[in-house]
PDB file of N, CA and C in Angstrom:
ATOM      1  N   MET A   1      -4.273  25.752  48.555  1.00  0.00           N
ATOM      2  CA  MET A   1      -4.344  24.759  49.612  1.00  0.00           C
ATOM      3  C   MET A   1      -5.093  23.524  49.092  1.00  0.00           C
ATOM      4  N   ILE A   2      -4.511  22.371  49.239  1.00  0.00           N
ATOM      5  CA  ILE A   2      -5.177  21.143  48.814  1.00  0.00           C
ATOM      6  C   ILE A   2      -6.065  20.622  49.941  1.00  0.00           C
ATOM      7  N   THR A   3      -7.060  19.867  49.560  1.00  0.00           N
ATOM      8  CA  THR A   3      -8.032  19.371  50.534  1.00  0.00           C
ATOM      9  C   THR A   3      -7.751  17.907  50.885  1.00  0.00           C
ATOM     10  N   PRO A   4      -8.274  17.448  52.010  1.00  0.00           N
ATOM     11  CA  PRO A   4      -8.134  16.027  52.351  1.00  0.00           C
ATOM     12  C   PRO A   4      -8.694  15.116  51.260  1.00  0.00           C
ATOM     13  N   ALA A   5      -9.805  15.519  50.646  1.00  0.00           N
ATOM     14  CA  ALA A   5     -10.393  14.705  49.580  1.00  0.00           C
ATOM     15  C   ALA A   5      -9.466  14.610  48.376  1.00  0.00           C
ATOM     16  N   GLN A   6      -8.772  15.697  48.049  1.00  0.00           N
ATOM     17  CA  GLN A   6      -7.816  15.670  46.940  1.00  0.00           C
ATOM     18  C   GLN A   6      -6.653  14.725  47.251  1.00  0.00           C
ATOM     19  N   ILE A   7      -6.204  14.732  48.487  1.00  0.00           N
ATOM     20  CA  ILE A   7      -5.091  13.857  48.878  1.00  0.00           C
ATOM     21  C   ILE A   7      -5.513  12.397  48.761  1.00  0.00           C
ATOM     22  N   LYS A   8      -6.689  12.085  49.258  1.00  0.00           N
ATOM     23  CA  LYS A   8      -7.190  10.706  49.174  1.00  0.00           C
ATOM     24  C   LYS A   8      -7.360  10.276  47.718  1.00  0.00           C
ATOM     25  N   ALA A   9      -7.910  11.166  46.890  1.00  0.00           N
ATOM     26  CA  ALA A   9      -8.106  10.849  45.477  1.00  0.00           C
ATOM     27  C   ALA A   9      -6.771  10.651  44.775  1.00  0.00           C
ATOM     28  N   ALA A  10      -5.801  11.476  45.104  1.00  0.00           N
ATOM     29  CA  ALA A  10      -4.474  11.352  44.502  1.00  0.00           C
ATOM     30  C   ALA A  10      -3.832  10.014  44.881  1.00  0.00           C
ATOM     31  N   ARG A  11      -3.970   9.641  46.143  1.00  0.00           N
ATOM     32  CA  ARG A  11      -3.426   8.341  46.566  1.00  0.00           C
ATOM     33  C   ARG A  11      -4.092   7.211  45.806  1.00  0.00           C
ATOM     34  N   ALA A  12      -5.392   7.315  45.626  1.00  0.00           N
ATOM     35  CA  ALA A  12      -6.133   6.273  44.910  1.00  0.00           C
ATOM     36  C   ALA A  12      -5.649   6.166  43.465  1.00  0.00           C
ATOM     37  N   MET A  13      -5.409   7.307  42.822  1.00  0.00           N
ATOM     38  CA  MET A  13      -4.942   7.301  41.436  1.00  0.00           C
ATOM     39  C   MET A  13      -3.571   6.641  41.306  1.00  0.00           C
ATOM     40  N   LEU A  14      -2.763   6.793  42.340  1.00  0.00           N
ATOM     41  CA  LEU A  14      -1.419   6.209  42.331  1.00  0.00           C
ATOM     42  C   LEU A  14      -1.396   4.798  42.915  1.00  0.00           C
ATOM     43  N   ASP A  15      -2.536   4.361  43.459  1.00  0.00           N
ATOM     44  CA  ASP A  15      -2.629   3.080  44.155  1.00  0.00           C
ATOM     45  C   ASP A  15      -1.659   3.041  45.334  1.00  0.00           C
ATOM     46  N   TRP A  16      -1.617   4.150  46.080  1.00  0.00           N
ATOM     47  CA  TRP A  16      -0.764   4.282  47.252  1.00  0.00           C
ATOM     48  C   TRP A  16      -1.596   4.131  48.514  1.00  0.00           C
ATOM     49  N   LYS A  17      -1.004   3.492  49.498  1.00  0.00           N
ATOM     50  CA  LYS A  17      -1.570   3.453  50.853  1.00  0.00           C
ATOM     51  C   LYS A  17      -1.044   4.681  51.596  1.00  0.00           C
ATOM     52  N   GLN A  18      -1.597   4.927  52.762  1.00  0.00           N
ATOM     53  CA  GLN A  18      -1.098   6.037  53.571  1.00  0.00           C
ATOM     54  C   GLN A  18       0.371   5.847  53.913  1.00  0.00           C
ATOM     55  N   THR A  19       0.790   4.601  54.099  1.00  0.00           N
ATOM     56  CA  THR A  19       2.198   4.344  54.408  1.00  0.00           C
ATOM     57  C   THR A  19       3.098   4.720  53.229  1.00  0.00           C
ATOM     58  N   ASP A  20       2.620   4.509  52.006  1.00  0.00           N
ATOM     59  CA  ASP A  20       3.396   4.887  50.820  1.00  0.00           C
ATOM     60  C   ASP A  20       3.575   6.399  50.756  1.00  0.00           C
ATOM     61  N   LEU A  21       2.490   7.123  51.007  1.00  0.00           N
ATOM     62  CA  LEU A  21       2.564   8.581  50.993  1.00  0.00           C
ATOM     63  C   LEU A  21       3.456   9.090  52.113  1.00  0.00           C
ATOM     64  N   ALA A  22       3.359   8.482  53.276  1.00  0.00           N
ATOM     65  CA  ALA A  22       4.204   8.884  54.398  1.00  0.00           C
ATOM     66  C   ALA A  22       5.683   8.717  54.033  1.00  0.00           C
ATOM     67  N   ALA A  23       6.026   7.588  53.450  1.00  0.00           N
ATOM     68  CA  ALA A  23       7.421   7.337  53.066  1.00  0.00           C
ATOM     69  C   ALA A  23       7.886   8.321  51.994  1.00  0.00           C
ATOM     70  N   ALA A  24       7.047   8.569  51.000  1.00  0.00           N
ATOM     71  CA  ALA A  24       7.418   9.460  49.900  1.00  0.00           C
ATOM     72  C   ALA A  24       7.551  10.909  50.345  1.00  0.00           C
ATOM     73  N   SER A  25       6.804  11.283  51.375  1.00  0.00           N
ATOM     74  CA  SER A  25       6.821  12.670  51.841  1.00  0.00           C
ATOM     75  C   SER A  25       7.737  12.895  53.042  1.00  0.00           C
ATOM     76  N   GLY A  26       8.289  11.815  53.583  1.00  0.00           N
ATOM     77  CA  GLY A  26       9.171  11.944  54.748  1.00  0.00           C
ATOM     78  C   GLY A  26       8.427  12.255  56.029  1.00  0.00           C
ATOM     79  N   LEU A  27       7.165  11.864  56.087  1.00  0.00           N
ATOM     80  CA  LEU A  27       6.330  12.122  57.261  1.00  0.00           C
ATOM     81  C   LEU A  27       5.945  10.813  57.926  1.00  0.00           C
ATOM     82  N   SER A  28       5.385  10.917  59.108  1.00  0.00           N
ATOM     83  CA  SER A  28       4.874   9.727  59.772  1.00  0.00           C
ATOM     84  C   SER A  28       3.511   9.375  59.185  1.00  0.00           C
ATOM     85  N   GLU A  29       3.139   8.110  59.304  1.00  0.00           N
ATOM     86  CA  GLU A  29       1.823   7.689  58.839  1.00  0.00           C
ATOM     87  C   GLU A  29       0.727   8.428  59.611  1.00  0.00           C
ATOM     88  N   MET A  30       0.957   8.696  60.882  1.00  0.00           N
ATOM     89  CA  MET A  30      -0.022   9.419  61.695  1.00  0.00           C
ATOM     90  C   MET A  30      -0.239  10.837  61.161  1.00  0.00           C
ATOM     91  N   SER A  31       0.821  11.481  60.687  1.00  0.00           N
ATOM     92  CA  SER A  31       0.675  12.820  60.102  1.00  0.00           C
ATOM     93  C   SER A  31      -0.215  12.779  58.871  1.00  0.00           C
ATOM     94  N   VAL A  32       0.001  11.779  58.023  1.00  0.00           N
ATOM     95  CA  VAL A  32      -0.823  11.630  56.824  1.00  0.00           C
ATOM     96  C   VAL A  32      -2.281  11.377  57.219  1.00  0.00           C
ATOM     97  N   LYS A  33      -2.490  10.483  58.177  1.00  0.00           N
ATOM     98  CA  LYS A  33      -3.855  10.189  58.638  1.00  0.00           C
ATOM     99  C   LYS A  33      -4.535  11.453  59.158  1.00  0.00           C
ATOM    100  N   ASN A  34      -3.816  12.243  59.951  1.00  0.00           N
ATOM    101  CA  ASN A  34      -4.397  13.461  60.521  1.00  0.00           C
ATOM    102  C   ASN A  34      -4.778  14.469  59.443  1.00  0.00           C
ATOM    103  N   VAL A  35      -3.915  14.625  58.435  1.00  0.00           N
ATOM    104  CA  VAL A  35      -4.227  15.548  57.348  1.00  0.00           C
ATOM    105  C   VAL A  35      -5.456  15.065  56.591  1.00  0.00           C
ATOM    106  N   GLU A  36      -5.529  13.771  56.307  1.00  0.00           N
ATOM    107  CA  GLU A  36      -6.667  13.237  55.577  1.00  0.00           C
ATOM    108  C   GLU A  36      -7.965  13.298  56.381  1.00  0.00           C
ATOM    109  N   LYS A  37      -7.859  13.344  57.697  1.00  0.00           N
ATOM    110  CA  LYS A  37      -9.046  13.510  58.545  1.00  0.00           C
ATOM    111  C   LYS A  37      -9.468  14.969  58.631  1.00  0.00           C
ATOM    112  N   GLY A  38      -8.637  15.855  58.106  1.00  0.00           N
ATOM    113  CA  GLY A  38      -8.960  17.276  58.132  1.00  0.00           C
ATOM    114  C   GLY A  38      -8.597  17.968  59.428  1.00  0.00           C
ATOM    115  N   GLN A  39      -7.608  17.430  60.138  1.00  0.00           N
ATOM    116  CA  GLN A  39      -7.167  18.061  61.381  1.00  0.00           C
ATOM    117  C   GLN A  39      -6.782  19.514  61.115  1.00  0.00           C
ATOM    118  N   LYS A  40      -7.340  20.414  61.850  1.00  0.00           N
ATOM    119  CA  LYS A  40      -7.111  21.840  61.639  1.00  0.00           C
ATOM    120  C   LYS A  40      -5.701  22.276  62.044  1.00  0.00           C
ATOM    121  N   ASP A  41      -5.028  21.489  62.869  1.00  0.00           N
ATOM    122  CA  ASP A  41      -3.710  21.892  63.345  1.00  0.00           C
ATOM    123  C   ASP A  41      -2.579  21.376  62.449  1.00  0.00           C
ATOM    124  N   SER A  42      -2.907  20.896  61.253  1.00  0.00           N
ATOM    125  CA  SER A  42      -1.877  20.422  60.336  1.00  0.00           C
ATOM    126  C   SER A  42      -1.008  21.596  59.901  1.00  0.00           C
ATOM    127  N   ARG A  43       0.282  21.399  59.967  1.00  0.00           N
ATOM    128  CA  ARG A  43       1.215  22.457  59.586  1.00  0.00           C
ATOM    129  C   ARG A  43       1.250  22.621  58.082  1.00  0.00           C
ATOM    130  N   MET A  44       1.512  23.844  57.655  1.00  0.00           N
ATOM    131  CA  MET A  44       1.628  24.125  56.230  1.00  0.00           C
ATOM    132  C   MET A  44       2.786  23.326  55.637  1.00  0.00           C
ATOM    133  N   SER A  45       3.858  23.140  56.397  1.00  0.00           N
ATOM    134  CA  SER A  45       5.000  22.365  55.893  1.00  0.00           C
ATOM    135  C   SER A  45       4.618  20.902  55.673  1.00  0.00           C
ATOM    136  N   THR A  46       3.716  20.379  56.493  1.00  0.00           N
ATOM    137  CA  THR A  46       3.237  19.005  56.322  1.00  0.00           C
ATOM    138  C   THR A  46       2.442  18.884  55.028  1.00  0.00           C
ATOM    139  N   ILE A  47       1.541  19.829  54.812  1.00  0.00           N
ATOM    140  CA  ILE A  47       0.729  19.835  53.595  1.00  0.00           C
ATOM    141  C   ILE A  47       1.633  19.973  52.370  1.00  0.00           C
ATOM    142  N   GLN A  48       2.635  20.836  52.454  1.00  0.00           N
ATOM    143  CA  GLN A  48       3.539  21.050  51.327  1.00  0.00           C
ATOM    144  C   GLN A  48       4.362  19.792  51.032  1.00  0.00           C
ATOM    145  N   SER A  49       4.780  19.078  52.067  1.00  0.00           N
ATOM    146  CA  SER A  49       5.524  17.828  51.863  1.00  0.00           C
ATOM    147  C   SER A  49       4.659  16.788  51.152  1.00  0.00           C
ATOM    148  N   ILE A  50       3.412  16.714  51.544  1.00  0.00           N
ATOM    149  CA  ILE A  50       2.477  15.779  50.911  1.00  0.00           C
ATOM    150  C   ILE A  50       2.246  16.177  49.462  1.00  0.00           C
ATOM    151  N   ARG A  51       1.991  17.461  49.253  1.00  0.00           N
ATOM    152  CA  ARG A  51       1.753  17.948  47.887  1.00  0.00           C
ATOM    153  C   ARG A  51       2.957  17.656  46.989  1.00  0.00           C
ATOM    154  N   SER A  52       4.143  17.953  47.467  1.00  0.00           N
ATOM    155  CA  SER A  52       5.358  17.737  46.674  1.00  0.00           C
ATOM    156  C   SER A  52       5.550  16.270  46.315  1.00  0.00           C
ATOM    157  N   ALA A  53       5.313  15.384  47.275  1.00  0.00           N
ATOM    158  CA  ALA A  53       5.460  13.952  47.031  1.00  0.00           C
ATOM    159  C   ALA A  53       4.477  13.471  45.976  1.00  0.00           C
ATOM    160  N   LEU A  54       3.242  13.921  46.071  1.00  0.00           N
ATOM    161  CA  LEU A  54       2.220  13.500  45.108  1.00  0.00           C
ATOM    162  C   LEU A  54       2.484  14.089  43.724  1.00  0.00           C
ATOM    163  N   GLU A  55       2.898  15.345  43.674  1.00  0.00           N
ATOM    164  CA  GLU A  55       3.208  15.959  42.380  1.00  0.00           C
ATOM    165  C   GLU A  55       4.420  15.291  41.732  1.00  0.00           C
ATOM    166  N   SER A  56       5.391  14.907  42.532  1.00  0.00           N
ATOM    167  CA  SER A  56       6.561  14.200  41.992  1.00  0.00           C
ATOM    168  C   SER A  56       6.184  12.850  41.401  1.00  0.00           C
ATOM    169  N   ALA A  57       5.105  12.271  41.917  1.00  0.00           N
ATOM    170  CA  ALA A  57       4.640  10.972  41.435  1.00  0.00           C
ATOM    171  C   ALA A  57       3.700  11.111  40.231  1.00  0.00           C
ATOM    172  N   GLY A  58       3.407  12.354  39.817  1.00  0.00           N
ATOM    173  CA  GLY A  58       2.603  12.552  38.621  1.00  0.00           C
ATOM    174  C   GLY A  58       1.227  13.146  38.820  1.00  0.00           C
ATOM    175  N   ILE A  59       0.921  13.568  40.020  1.00  0.00           N
ATOM    176  CA  ILE A  59      -0.397  14.148  40.303  1.00  0.00           C
ATOM    177  C   ILE A  59      -0.396  15.635  39.971  1.00  0.00           C
ATOM    178  N   ILE A  60      -1.491  16.093  39.392  1.00  0.00           N
ATOM    179  CA  ILE A  60      -1.724  17.513  39.147  1.00  0.00           C
ATOM    180  C   ILE A  60      -2.948  17.906  39.970  1.00  0.00           C
ATOM    181  N   PHE A  61      -2.790  18.905  40.816  1.00  0.00           N
ATOM    182  CA  PHE A  61      -3.911  19.388  41.621  1.00  0.00           C
ATOM    183  C   PHE A  61      -4.639  20.485  40.859  1.00  0.00           C
ATOM    184  N   ILE A  62      -5.958  20.391  40.818  1.00  0.00           N
ATOM    185  CA  ILE A  62      -6.791  21.358  40.118  1.00  0.00           C
ATOM    186  C   ILE A  62      -7.494  22.203  41.176  1.00  0.00           C
ATOM    187  N   ASP A  63      -7.318  23.516  41.067  1.00  0.00           N
ATOM    188  CA  ASP A  63      -7.942  24.423  42.027  1.00  0.00           C
ATOM    189  C   ASP A  63      -9.445  24.496  41.814  1.00  0.00           C
ATOM    190  N   GLN A  64     -10.097  25.103  42.768  1.00  0.00           N
ATOM    191  CA  GLN A  64     -11.539  25.355  42.672  1.00  0.00           C
ATOM    192  C   GLN A  64     -11.817  26.084  41.362  1.00  0.00           C
ATOM    193  N   ASN A  65     -12.708  25.544  40.554  1.00  0.00           N
ATOM    194  CA  ASN A  65     -13.005  26.167  39.264  1.00  0.00           C
ATOM    195  C   ASN A  65     -14.508  26.282  39.022  1.00  0.00           C
ATOM    196  N   GLY A  66     -15.270  26.342  40.067  1.00  0.00           N
ATOM    197  CA  GLY A  66     -16.720  26.391  39.932  1.00  0.00           C
ATOM    198  C   GLY A  66     -17.373  25.038  40.150  1.00  0.00           C
ATOM    199  N   ASN A  67     -16.634  23.981  39.887  1.00  0.00           N
ATOM    200  CA  ASN A  67     -17.142  22.627  40.097  1.00  0.00           C
ATOM    201  C   ASN A  67     -16.437  21.926  41.239  1.00  0.00           C
ATOM    202  N   GLY A  68     -15.611  22.625  41.957  1.00  0.00           N
ATOM    203  CA  GLY A  68     -14.885  22.047  43.078  1.00  0.00           C
ATOM    204  C   GLY A  68     -13.469  21.682  42.702  1.00  0.00           C
ATOM    205  N   PRO A  69     -12.614  21.524  43.695  1.00  0.00           N
ATOM    206  CA  PRO A  69     -11.223  21.152  43.441  1.00  0.00           C
ATOM    207  C   PRO A  69     -11.134  19.700  42.995  1.00  0.00           C
ATOM    208  N   GLY A  70     -10.046  19.363  42.341  1.00  0.00           N
ATOM    209  CA  GLY A  70      -9.888  17.987  41.872  1.00  0.00           C
ATOM    210  C   GLY A  70      -8.428  17.608  41.689  1.00  0.00           C
ATOM    211  N   VAL A  71      -8.222  16.446  41.121  1.00  0.00           N
ATOM    212  CA  VAL A  71      -6.878  15.947  40.822  1.00  0.00           C
ATOM    213  C   VAL A  71      -6.911  15.220  39.475  1.00  0.00           C
ATOM    214  N   ARG A  72      -5.774  15.152  38.851  1.00  0.00           N
ATOM    215  CA  ARG A  72      -5.632  14.328  37.669  1.00  0.00           C
ATOM    216  C   ARG A  72      -4.220  13.794  37.636  1.00  0.00           C
ATOM    217  N   LEU A  73      -4.026  12.770  36.836  1.00  0.00           N
ATOM    218  CA  LEU A  73      -2.722  12.132  36.700  1.00  0.00           C
ATOM    219  C   LEU A  73      -2.080  12.640  35.427  1.00  0.00           C
ATOM    220  N   ARG A  74      -0.857  13.127  35.544  1.00  0.00           N
ATOM    221  CA  ARG A  74      -0.127  13.645  34.401  1.00  0.00           C
ATOM    222  C   ARG A  74       0.079  12.546  33.379  1.00  0.00           C
ATOM    223  N   ASP A  75       0.014  12.903  32.107  1.00  0.00           N
ATOM    224  CA  ASP A  75       0.283  11.928  31.044  1.00  0.00           C
ATOM    225  C   ASP A  75       1.684  11.385  31.211  1.00  0.00           C
ATOM    226  N   ARG A  76       1.817  10.091  31.051  1.00  0.00           N
ATOM    227  CA  ARG A  76       3.124   9.452  31.140  1.00  0.00           C
ATOM    228  C   ARG A  76       3.894   9.707  29.848  1.00  0.00           C
ATOM    229  N   GLN A  77       5.132  10.116  29.981  1.00  0.00           N
ATOM    230  CA  GLN A  77       5.987  10.326  28.805  1.00  0.00           C
ATOM    231  C   GLN A  77       6.591   8.989  28.393  1.00  0.00           C
ATOM    232  N   ILE A  78       6.485   8.683  27.128  1.00  0.00           N
ATOM    233  CA  ILE A  78       7.016   7.411  26.636  1.00  0.00           C
ATOM    234  C   ILE A  78       8.356   7.611  25.996  1.00  0.00           C
TER     235      ILE A  78
END
């Protein structure tokens, strides 16, 4: 499960606004805002749509490894 902080960090790495993520994930901007606020009623399908959109754009989600969850940007292939 990805966290709201990971989503925000991933957007920052891609220089995406919430509207960009909403468009890429096929969700409303309000859905993205609610997930980033940590709304407990966020559907798993909503989270998965966000994750898929960010991963398609080059984000790698790092699970909890003792230092907390994180994100990184995949190396660009030349």
